[in-house]
Protein backbone atom coordinates (compact mmCIF):
# COMPACT_ATOMS: atom_id res chain seq x y z
CA MET A 1 7.50 -1.99 -10.44
CA ASP A 2 5.15 -2.48 -7.61
CA PRO A 3 2.18 -0.42 -7.39
CA TYR A 4 2.86 0.80 -3.52
CA TYR A 5 6.07 1.48 -4.14
CA PHE A 6 5.70 5.19 -3.55
CA LEU A 7 3.90 4.64 -0.23
CA ASP A 8 5.78 3.86 3.56
CA ILE A 9 4.43 0.63 3.92
CA ASN A 10 5.96 -2.49 5.60
CA PHE A 11 5.24 -6.32 5.10
CA LYS A 12 5.35 -9.02 7.90
CA LEU A 13 4.15 -11.80 6.13
CA LYS A 14 4.79 -15.42 6.49
CA ASP A 15 3.71 -18.78 4.85
CA ASP A 16 2.26 -22.04 6.41
CA ASN A 17 5.36 -23.13 6.73
CA ASP A 18 6.42 -20.10 8.73
CA GLY A 19 8.87 -18.96 5.82
CA GLU A 20 8.81 -15.59 4.72
CA PHE A 21 7.33 -14.54 1.38
CA GLU A 22 7.32 -11.26 -0.98
CA PRO A 23 3.97 -8.99 -0.91
CA HIS A 24 3.80 -9.57 -5.05
CA GLU A 25 2.85 -12.94 -4.23
CA ILE A 26 -0.51 -11.57 -2.65
CA LEU A 27 -0.90 -9.07 -4.73
CA ASP A 28 -3.66 -8.65 -6.83
CA MET A 29 -4.13 -6.21 -9.77
CA TYR A 30 -6.57 -4.71 -11.95
CA PRO A 31 -6.23 -3.39 -15.75
CA ASP A 32 -7.63 0.02 -14.28
CA GLY A 33 -4.66 0.46 -11.85
CA THR A 34 -6.39 -0.60 -8.62
CA TRP A 35 -4.85 -3.14 -6.60
CA SER A 36 -5.26 -4.60 -3.56
CA ILE A 37 -3.63 -7.04 -0.71
CA ASN A 38 -4.90 -9.41 1.48
CA CYS A 39 -2.65 -10.75 3.85
CA GLU A 40 -5.33 -11.63 6.58
CA ASN A 41 -3.80 -15.16 6.92
CA HIS A 42 0.27 -14.48 6.26
CA GLY A 43 0.58 -11.70 8.35
CA PHE A 44 0.50 -7.89 8.42
CA VAL A 45 0.77 -4.83 6.77
CA THR A 46 2.14 -1.85 8.56
CA PHE A 47 1.52 1.67 6.93
CA GLN A 48 1.09 5.28 9.02
CA GLY A 49 2.16 3.55 12.20
CA LYS A 50 -0.50 0.62 12.27
CA GLU A 51 -0.90 -2.73 11.40
CA TYR A 52 -3.62 -3.57 8.83
CA ILE A 53 -4.57 -7.35 6.94
CA ASP A 54 -6.34 -5.70 4.43
CA ILE A 55 -5.38 -3.07 1.95
CA PHE A 56 -7.18 -1.68 -1.42
CA TYR A 57 -6.04 1.03 -3.57
CA SER A 58 -8.61 2.90 -5.99
CA LYS A 59 -7.03 4.12 -8.76
CA ARG A 60 -9.88 6.49 -9.85
CA TYR A 61 -10.37 7.86 -6.10
CA ASN A 62 -6.79 7.54 -5.37
CA VAL A 63 -7.73 6.38 -1.93
CA LEU A 64 -5.94 3.82 -0.10
CA GLU A 65 -8.66 1.94 2.26
CA CYS A 66 -6.93 -0.17 4.59
CA LYS A 67 -8.89 -2.64 7.07
CA ASN A 68 -8.21 -4.25 10.64
CA ASN A 69 -10.08 -5.96 13.30
CA GLU A 70 -10.80 -2.29 14.44
CA GLY A 71 -12.25 -0.77 11.15
CA VAL A 72 -11.42 0.83 8.29
CA ASP A 73 -9.13 3.85 7.69
CA ARG A 74 -9.28 5.38 4.60
CA TYR A 75 -6.33 7.56 2.95
CA LYS A 76 -6.81 10.44 0.31
CA ILE A 77 -3.18 9.88 -1.85
CA SER A 78 -2.46 13.33 -3.56
CA VAL A 79 -0.13 15.01 -5.42
CA GLU A 80 0.83 19.12 -5.11
CA LEU A 81 2.55 21.24 -7.25
CA MET A 82 5.40 22.65 -4.83
CA ASP A 83 7.40 25.21 -6.95
CA GLU A 84 6.07 26.06 -10.57
CA GLY A 85 9.14 25.83 -13.10
CA VAL A 86 11.76 25.36 -10.38
CA ASP A 87 14.60 23.35 -12.68
CA GLU A 88 16.16 21.95 -9.55
CA GLY A 89 16.96 18.40 -8.31
CA VAL A 90 14.72 17.18 -5.04
CA ASP A 91 16.34 16.76 -2.08
CA GLU A 92 15.82 13.01 -0.65
């Protein structure tokens, strides 16, 4: 399973021959759960309505660092307890 499966990320990637390819081909994963995708030479990634060329996720700090030509945006990833002890499914 891709480590970014829980994020609403869209990829627009092409190789040197203008063929599409999957993001896992440029995904770097590290033993501590940290990962990065640098698509500078292959297109861009869209997250939160912005286009980025480099994404780095720090599992230690739960921070997604997204870079483009304008600078760096940092997103804190968090999980909140909604209802303690509720035994019902989650609406999708």
